[in-house]
């Protein structure tokens, strides 16, 4: 039987959070956004979680048009459980586990605090434990806070560059498991160095010199796929919490995203200050290239990029910051070549965005 309820729904393209009528069916959710618009969404990639002002409100995240995250906020656990009775079995079971997980998280928080006070936990392990408890709903606020200074006065509006990067990025997001939890936004900025960055919550920044250096859409797709993995696998969030410290980590766990954002602003933390370890870089390479391949891009293209960079880095005053924490180019080239052989030819029939790359390069050199 369908379940009818009035809920707060956050749908960015329709003006953000509003209270609307929602009907849960066995195969889909109907959201009556206004008198003339009923949005039908299925449960593909649906995830349960906690959200709201204090990140303690039961929440269901669905994937809307253009891979946009649509979040449904329930007033209490009873309403959440009643709606879950209509959901597919795996999702309903996840809703049941969420209630138990909330209590486990509270117990774990108490344990972590005790271990911290007693000095029984190593700092790195403590911070990783905190990151595991940070709700995904607070990450977009962190991402916007850390990208603010980099975008201010430098963000490029040239449609050739913006559309190419955004369309390619969204095509890759659609092929990335778990990416639908976030609303990804892709930015192009004027800088004097070649790099791409990923911030928590789905903020991805590409510099114009990197676009000018890349010789094909395939090369950029592999780089974007790599950065998307830093977001989905929460490498960016881990790096930020490690840099900001335990106090900020507890702010995030308890839903004080505004306080954490203020700390970021006061410290002047920038994306270029977020460093990932080599294992995280290898993981982002491996999974990101699989997603690029699934989206119709050639994973071997990035080896050509690395070979060009490696030949020129000795001639440069400063090595590319893109390579600063990554595995050595020779190792990456060998690993990627092996992965590309396993993946085989690019899938037929995949429609990737049509991009005139020569036009992109020209625009990047004169944004």
Protein backbone atom coordinates (compact mmCIF):
# COMPACT_ATOMS: atom_id res chain seq x y z
CA UNK A 1 0.00 0.00 0.00
CA UNK A 2 1.29 3.53 -0.77
CA UNK A 3 2.26 5.68 2.18
CA UNK A 4 1.31 9.39 2.04
CA UNK A 5 3.12 11.92 4.19
CA UNK A 6 4.10 15.61 4.25
CA UNK A 7 7.86 16.09 4.44
CA UNK A 8 10.57 18.69 4.07
CA UNK A 9 12.27 18.08 0.72
CA UNK A 10 15.54 19.64 -0.46
CA UNK A 11 15.77 19.90 -4.24
CA UNK A 12 18.35 22.56 -5.28
CA UNK A 13 17.01 23.11 -8.80
CA UNK A 14 13.58 23.96 -7.40
CA UNK A 15 14.70 26.50 -4.86
CA UNK A 16 16.07 24.38 -2.06
CA UNK A 17 14.18 23.00 0.92
CA UNK A 18 10.36 23.12 1.04
CA UNK A 19 7.54 21.22 2.72
CA UNK A 20 5.66 19.12 0.14
CA UNK A 21 3.41 16.07 -0.12
CA UNK A 22 5.27 12.79 -0.72
CA UNK A 23 3.86 9.39 -1.61
CA UNK A 24 5.98 6.26 -1.26
CA UNK A 25 5.23 3.36 -3.61
CA UNK A 26 6.99 0.01 -3.87
CA UNK A 27 8.95 1.06 -6.97
CA UNK A 28 9.09 4.85 -6.79
CA UNK A 29 8.53 8.02 -4.79
CA UNK A 30 6.10 10.72 -5.97
CA UNK A 31 6.89 14.27 -4.81
CA UNK A 32 4.13 16.81 -5.42
CA UNK A 33 6.35 19.86 -5.73
CA UNK A 34 3.45 22.13 -6.67
CA UNK A 35 -0.06 21.85 -8.10
CA UNK A 36 1.25 21.09 -11.60
CA UNK A 37 4.50 19.25 -10.93
CA UNK A 38 4.82 15.74 -9.55
CA UNK A 39 8.36 14.39 -9.56
CA UNK A 40 8.62 10.59 -9.84
CA UNK A 41 11.93 9.13 -8.65
CA UNK A 42 12.89 5.48 -8.36
CA UNK A 43 15.00 3.96 -5.59
CA UNK A 44 18.12 3.41 -7.72
CA UNK A 45 21.14 4.64 -5.72
CA UNK A 46 18.85 5.67 -2.82
CA UNK A 47 20.59 5.98 0.55
CA UNK A 48 19.45 6.56 4.11
CA UNK A 49 21.20 8.87 6.52
CA UNK A 50 20.86 11.74 8.99
CA UNK A 51 20.51 15.41 8.08
CA UNK A 52 18.82 18.65 9.08
CA UNK A 53 20.15 21.60 11.02
CA UNK A 54 21.68 19.37 13.70
CA UNK A 55 22.23 16.29 11.52
CA UNK A 56 19.94 14.18 13.69
CA UNK A 57 16.91 14.01 11.37
CA UNK A 58 16.21 10.74 9.46
CA UNK A 59 16.79 11.36 5.77
CA UNK A 60 16.41 9.56 2.44
CA UNK A 61 18.56 10.71 -0.48
CA UNK A 62 17.34 9.99 -4.02
CA UNK A 63 18.85 10.78 -7.40
CA UNK A 64 16.89 13.36 -9.38
CA UNK A 65 17.25 14.65 -12.94
CA UNK A 66 20.80 15.45 -14.04
CA UNK A 67 22.13 13.28 -11.18
CA UNK A 68 21.06 15.92 -8.64
CA UNK A 69 20.64 14.81 -5.04
CA UNK A 70 17.05 15.12 -3.74
CA UNK A 71 16.84 14.75 0.05
CA UNK A 72 13.69 13.87 2.01
CA UNK A 73 13.73 14.80 5.72
CA UNK A 74 11.47 12.89 8.13
CA UNK A 75 10.20 14.53 11.34
CA UNK A 76 10.92 11.46 13.50
CA UNK A 77 11.92 7.80 13.47
CA UNK A 78 8.29 6.61 13.52
CA UNK A 79 7.50 8.42 10.27
CA UNK A 80 10.76 7.16 8.78
CA UNK A 81 9.94 3.53 9.66
CA UNK A 82 6.38 3.82 8.32
CA UNK A 83 7.65 5.05 4.96
CA UNK A 84 10.38 2.40 4.90
CA UNK A 85 7.69 -0.30 4.96
CA UNK A 86 7.02 0.57 1.30
CA UNK A 87 10.65 0.51 0.16
CA UNK A 88 12.51 -2.33 -1.56
CA UNK A 89 13.85 -4.84 0.95
CA UNK A 90 17.57 -3.81 0.83
CA UNK A 91 16.71 -0.15 1.40
CA UNK A 92 14.21 -0.96 4.16
CA UNK A 93 16.85 -3.07 5.89
CA UNK A 94 19.31 -0.17 5.62
CA UNK A 95 16.72 2.05 7.33
CA UNK A 96 16.46 -0.46 10.20
CA UNK A 97 20.24 -0.59 10.53
CA UNK A 98 20.42 3.21 10.62
CA UNK A 99 18.56 3.35 13.93
CA UNK A 100 20.94 0.85 15.46
CA UNK A 101 23.93 2.63 13.93
CA UNK A 102 22.91 5.95 15.49
CA UNK A 103 23.13 4.42 18.97
CA UNK A 104 26.42 2.71 18.10
CA UNK A 105 27.83 6.03 16.89
CA UNK A 106 26.89 7.74 20.13
CA UNK A 107 28.55 4.97 22.09
CA UNK A 108 31.60 5.20 19.85
CA UNK A 109 31.78 8.95 20.33
CA UNK A 110 31.82 8.45 24.07
CA UNK A 111 34.50 5.86 23.70
CA UNK A 112 36.59 8.05 21.43
CA UNK A 113 36.33 10.97 23.84
CA UNK A 114 37.43 8.76 26.70
CA UNK A 115 40.33 7.36 24.75
CA UNK A 116 41.37 10.85 23.75
CA UNK A 117 41.30 12.07 27.34
CA UNK A 118 43.28 9.05 28.52
CA UNK A 119 45.77 9.28 25.68
CA UNK A 120 45.04 5.70 24.55
CA UNK A 121 44.35 6.51 20.94
CA UNK A 122 46.91 7.65 18.40
CA UNK A 123 46.04 11.03 16.89
CA UNK A 124 45.79 9.74 13.30
CA UNK A 125 43.50 6.87 14.21
CA UNK A 126 41.34 9.19 16.31
CA UNK A 127 40.87 11.56 13.41
CA UNK A 128 40.03 8.74 11.02
CA UNK A 129 37.46 7.50 13.53
CA UNK A 130 35.91 10.97 13.67
CA UNK A 131 35.73 11.21 9.88
CA UNK A 132 33.77 7.95 9.77
CA UNK A 133 31.13 9.63 11.96
CA UNK A 134 30.88 12.90 10.02
CA UNK A 135 27.46 13.04 8.27
CA UNK A 136 27.72 13.39 4.49
CA UNK A 137 25.19 16.23 4.73
CA UNK A 138 27.77 18.60 6.28
CA UNK A 139 30.45 17.99 3.66
CA UNK A 140 29.05 20.40 1.02
CA UNK A 141 29.34 23.28 3.51
CA UNK A 142 32.98 22.38 4.09
CA UNK A 143 33.65 22.16 0.37
CA UNK A 144 32.17 25.58 -0.29
CA UNK A 145 34.14 27.08 2.60
CA UNK A 146 37.47 25.74 1.42
CA UNK A 147 36.93 26.65 -2.25
CA UNK A 148 35.64 30.17 -1.56
CA UNK A 149 39.02 31.91 -1.60
CA UNK A 150 40.21 30.00 -4.65
CA UNK A 151 37.10 30.86 -6.68
CA UNK A 152 36.80 34.48 -5.61
CA UNK A 153 37.77 36.69 -8.55
CA UNK A 154 39.33 33.78 -10.44
CA UNK A 155 36.42 31.61 -11.55
CA UNK A 156 36.11 31.43 -15.32
CA UNK A 157 32.73 31.99 -16.97
CA UNK A 158 33.82 31.17 -20.55
CA UNK A 159 31.06 28.75 -21.68
CA UNK A 160 33.46 26.70 -23.80
CA UNK A 161 35.48 25.77 -20.72
CA UNK A 162 32.67 25.64 -18.17
CA UNK A 163 30.38 23.46 -20.28
CA UNK A 164 33.14 21.08 -21.34
CA UNK A 165 34.37 20.45 -17.78
CA UNK A 166 30.88 20.30 -16.25
CA UNK A 167 29.38 18.00 -18.88
CA UNK A 168 32.34 15.64 -18.76
CA UNK A 169 32.33 15.71 -14.96
CA UNK A 170 28.63 14.86 -14.71
CA UNK A 171 29.06 12.02 -17.23
CA UNK A 172 31.73 10.56 -14.96
CA UNK A 173 29.61 11.08 -11.83
CA UNK A 174 26.87 8.95 -13.39
CA UNK A 175 29.36 6.08 -13.71
CA UNK A 176 30.69 6.41 -10.16
CA UNK A 177 29.03 4.25 -7.46
CA UNK A 178 28.22 6.33 -4.39
CA UNK A 179 28.63 9.69 -6.15
CA UNK A 180 24.88 10.27 -6.15
CA UNK A 181 25.02 11.09 -2.43
CA UNK A 182 26.60 14.42 -3.39
CA UNK A 183 25.65 17.21 -5.78
CA UNK A 184 28.86 17.67 -7.77
CA UNK A 185 29.84 21.13 -9.02
CA UNK A 186 32.75 21.66 -11.40
CA UNK A 187 34.65 24.95 -11.56
CA UNK A 188 37.36 26.36 -13.83
CA UNK A 189 39.74 28.96 -12.37
CA UNK A 190 42.50 31.16 -13.71
CA UNK A 191 45.80 30.21 -12.09
CA UNK A 192 49.46 30.16 -13.00
CA UNK A 193 49.87 26.45 -12.27
CA UNK A 194 48.47 23.19 -13.62
CA UNK A 195 46.28 21.30 -11.21
CA UNK A 196 42.91 19.82 -10.33
CA UNK A 197 41.46 19.68 -6.80
CA UNK A 198 38.56 18.01 -5.03
CA UNK A 199 36.93 19.39 -1.89
CA UNK A 200 34.45 17.61 0.40
CA UNK A 201 30.85 17.45 -0.74
CA UNK A 202 31.47 17.44 -4.49
CA UNK A 203 33.36 20.67 -5.28
CA UNK A 204 35.91 20.01 -8.07
CA UNK A 205 38.22 22.74 -9.38
CA UNK A 206 40.34 22.62 -12.55
CA UNK A 207 42.89 25.29 -13.47
CA UNK A 208 43.13 26.77 -16.97
CA UNK A 209 46.80 25.76 -17.48
CA UNK A 210 45.85 22.12 -16.91
CA UNK A 211 43.15 22.37 -19.58
CA UNK A 212 45.66 23.93 -21.94
CA UNK A 213 48.21 21.15 -21.33
CA UNK A 214 45.79 18.22 -21.69
CA UNK A 215 45.79 17.13 -25.34
CA UNK A 216 42.44 15.33 -25.38
CA UNK A 217 39.13 15.02 -23.58
CA UNK A 218 40.24 11.51 -22.57
CA UNK A 219 43.17 12.93 -20.58
CA UNK A 220 40.96 15.36 -18.69
CA UNK A 221 38.32 12.67 -18.08
CA UNK A 222 40.89 10.46 -16.35
CA UNK A 223 41.96 13.38 -14.14
CA UNK A 224 38.35 14.29 -13.28
CA UNK A 225 37.55 10.65 -12.53
CA UNK A 226 40.48 10.61 -10.11
CA UNK A 227 39.28 13.77 -8.32
CA UNK A 228 35.70 12.51 -8.06
CA UNK A 229 37.00 9.47 -6.18
CA UNK A 230 38.68 11.74 -3.61
CA UNK A 231 35.19 13.09 -2.81
CA UNK A 232 33.25 9.81 -2.88
CA UNK A 233 35.85 7.95 -0.81
CA UNK A 234 36.04 10.92 1.58
CA UNK A 235 39.78 11.40 1.12
CA UNK A 236 39.21 15.18 1.01
CA UNK A 237 37.25 15.12 4.25
CA UNK A 238 39.94 13.04 5.96
CA UNK A 239 42.65 15.41 4.77
CA UNK A 240 40.70 18.42 6.02
CA UNK A 241 39.97 16.96 9.46
CA UNK A 242 43.61 15.91 9.82
CA UNK A 243 44.72 19.44 9.06
CA UNK A 244 42.11 21.21 11.21
CA UNK A 245 42.43 18.88 14.20
CA UNK A 246 40.35 16.94 16.71
CA UNK A 247 38.25 19.88 17.92
CA UNK A 248 36.98 20.62 14.43
CA UNK A 249 36.42 16.92 13.90
CA UNK A 250 34.05 16.82 16.87
CA UNK A 251 32.29 19.96 15.54
CA UNK A 252 31.53 18.09 12.33
CA UNK A 253 30.37 14.92 14.06
CA UNK A 254 27.90 16.94 16.12
CA UNK A 255 26.66 18.85 13.07
CA UNK A 256 28.38 22.20 13.67
CA UNK A 257 29.30 22.75 10.03
CA UNK A 258 29.04 26.52 10.47
CA UNK A 259 31.66 26.43 13.23
CA UNK A 260 33.96 24.29 11.13
CA UNK A 261 33.48 26.62 8.15
CA UNK A 262 34.40 29.59 10.35
CA UNK A 263 37.57 27.76 11.41
CA UNK A 264 38.42 27.12 7.78
CA UNK A 265 37.92 30.80 6.96
CA UNK A 266 40.03 31.96 9.91
CA UNK A 267 42.87 29.63 8.96
CA UNK A 268 42.72 30.51 5.27
CA UNK A 269 42.73 26.80 4.46
CA UNK A 270 42.90 26.23 0.72
CA UNK A 271 42.45 23.25 -1.54
CA UNK A 272 46.14 23.25 -2.37
CA UNK A 273 46.79 22.55 1.33
CA UNK A 274 44.89 19.24 1.28
CA UNK A 275 47.37 16.41 0.87
CA UNK A 276 46.46 12.77 0.25
CA UNK A 277 48.64 9.79 1.02
CA UNK A 278 49.95 7.51 -1.72
CA UNK A 279 47.46 4.73 -0.99
CA UNK A 280 44.58 7.18 -1.43
CA UNK A 281 46.09 8.38 -4.71
CA UNK A 282 46.45 4.81 -5.98
CA UNK A 283 42.87 4.03 -5.00
CA UNK A 284 41.60 7.14 -6.80
CA UNK A 285 43.61 6.19 -9.88
CA UNK A 286 42.29 2.64 -9.93
CA UNK A 287 38.59 3.35 -9.41
CA UNK A 288 38.58 6.67 -11.26
CA UNK A 289 39.97 5.08 -14.41
CA UNK A 290 37.35 2.35 -14.28
CA UNK A 291 34.65 5.01 -14.17
CA UNK A 292 36.27 6.96 -17.02
CA UNK A 293 36.37 3.77 -19.09
CA UNK A 294 32.70 3.08 -18.33
CA UNK A 295 31.85 6.64 -19.45
CA UNK A 296 33.50 6.02 -22.82
CA UNK A 297 36.99 7.45 -22.24
CA UNK A 298 40.34 5.79 -22.91
CA UNK A 299 42.22 5.16 -19.61
CA UNK A 300 45.53 4.89 -21.49
CA UNK A 301 45.25 8.59 -22.36
CA UNK A 302 46.46 9.60 -18.91
CA UNK A 303 49.71 7.70 -19.45
CA UNK A 304 50.46 10.01 -22.37
CA UNK A 305 49.81 13.00 -20.10
CA UNK A 306 52.18 11.65 -17.43
CA UNK A 307 54.91 10.90 -19.97
CA UNK A 308 54.81 14.48 -21.27
CA UNK A 309 54.85 15.91 -17.75
CA UNK A 310 57.68 13.61 -16.64
CA UNK A 311 59.83 14.64 -19.62
CA UNK A 312 59.34 18.33 -18.82
CA UNK A 313 59.41 18.38 -15.04
CA UNK A 314 63.23 18.56 -14.88
CA UNK A 315 63.07 21.69 -17.02
CA UNK A 316 60.57 23.39 -14.72
CA UNK A 317 61.44 25.50 -11.67
CA UNK A 318 58.64 23.80 -9.73
CA UNK A 319 57.32 20.31 -10.37
CA UNK A 320 53.65 20.10 -11.16
CA UNK A 321 51.74 20.20 -7.90
CA UNK A 322 49.45 17.59 -9.41
CA UNK A 323 52.31 15.12 -9.00
CA UNK A 324 53.48 16.22 -5.56
CA UNK A 325 51.86 13.46 -3.50
CA UNK A 326 51.09 11.00 -6.25
CA UNK A 327 53.03 7.81 -6.92
CA UNK A 328 56.01 8.21 -9.26
CA UNK A 329 54.92 8.66 -12.89
CA UNK A 330 56.75 5.51 -14.04
CA UNK A 331 54.86 3.43 -11.46
CA UNK A 332 51.53 5.01 -12.38
CA UNK A 333 52.07 4.50 -16.09
CA UNK A 334 52.81 0.81 -15.58
CA UNK A 335 49.84 0.29 -13.25
CA UNK A 336 47.43 2.15 -15.54
CA UNK A 337 48.62 0.20 -18.59
CA UNK A 338 47.89 -3.05 -16.76
CA UNK A 339 44.45 -1.83 -15.72
CA UNK A 340 43.63 -0.65 -19.25
CA UNK A 341 44.54 -4.09 -20.60
CA UNK A 342 42.16 -5.70 -18.08
CA UNK A 343 39.35 -3.29 -18.94
CA UNK A 344 39.64 -3.89 -22.66
CA UNK A 345 38.23 -1.64 -25.41
CA UNK A 346 36.05 1.34 -24.53
CA UNK A 347 32.41 0.12 -24.37
CA UNK A 348 30.48 0.58 -27.60
CA UNK A 349 27.33 2.63 -27.60
CA UNK A 350 28.33 4.87 -24.70
CA UNK A 351 27.39 8.47 -25.53
CA UNK A 352 29.96 10.77 -24.03
CA UNK A 353 29.66 14.58 -24.21
CA UNK A 354 30.75 16.04 -27.55
CA UNK A 355 33.69 18.36 -26.85
CA UNK A 356 35.84 20.21 -29.40
CA UNK A 357 39.11 19.82 -27.53
CA UNK A 358 41.13 22.17 -29.76
CA UNK A 359 38.56 24.85 -28.97
CA UNK A 360 38.89 24.08 -25.25
CA UNK A 361 42.68 24.43 -25.42
CA UNK A 362 42.43 27.77 -27.24
CA UNK A 363 39.92 29.08 -24.69
CA UNK A 364 42.07 27.85 -21.78
CA UNK A 365 45.08 29.78 -23.10
CA UNK A 366 43.00 32.96 -23.24
CA UNK A 367 40.16 32.52 -20.71
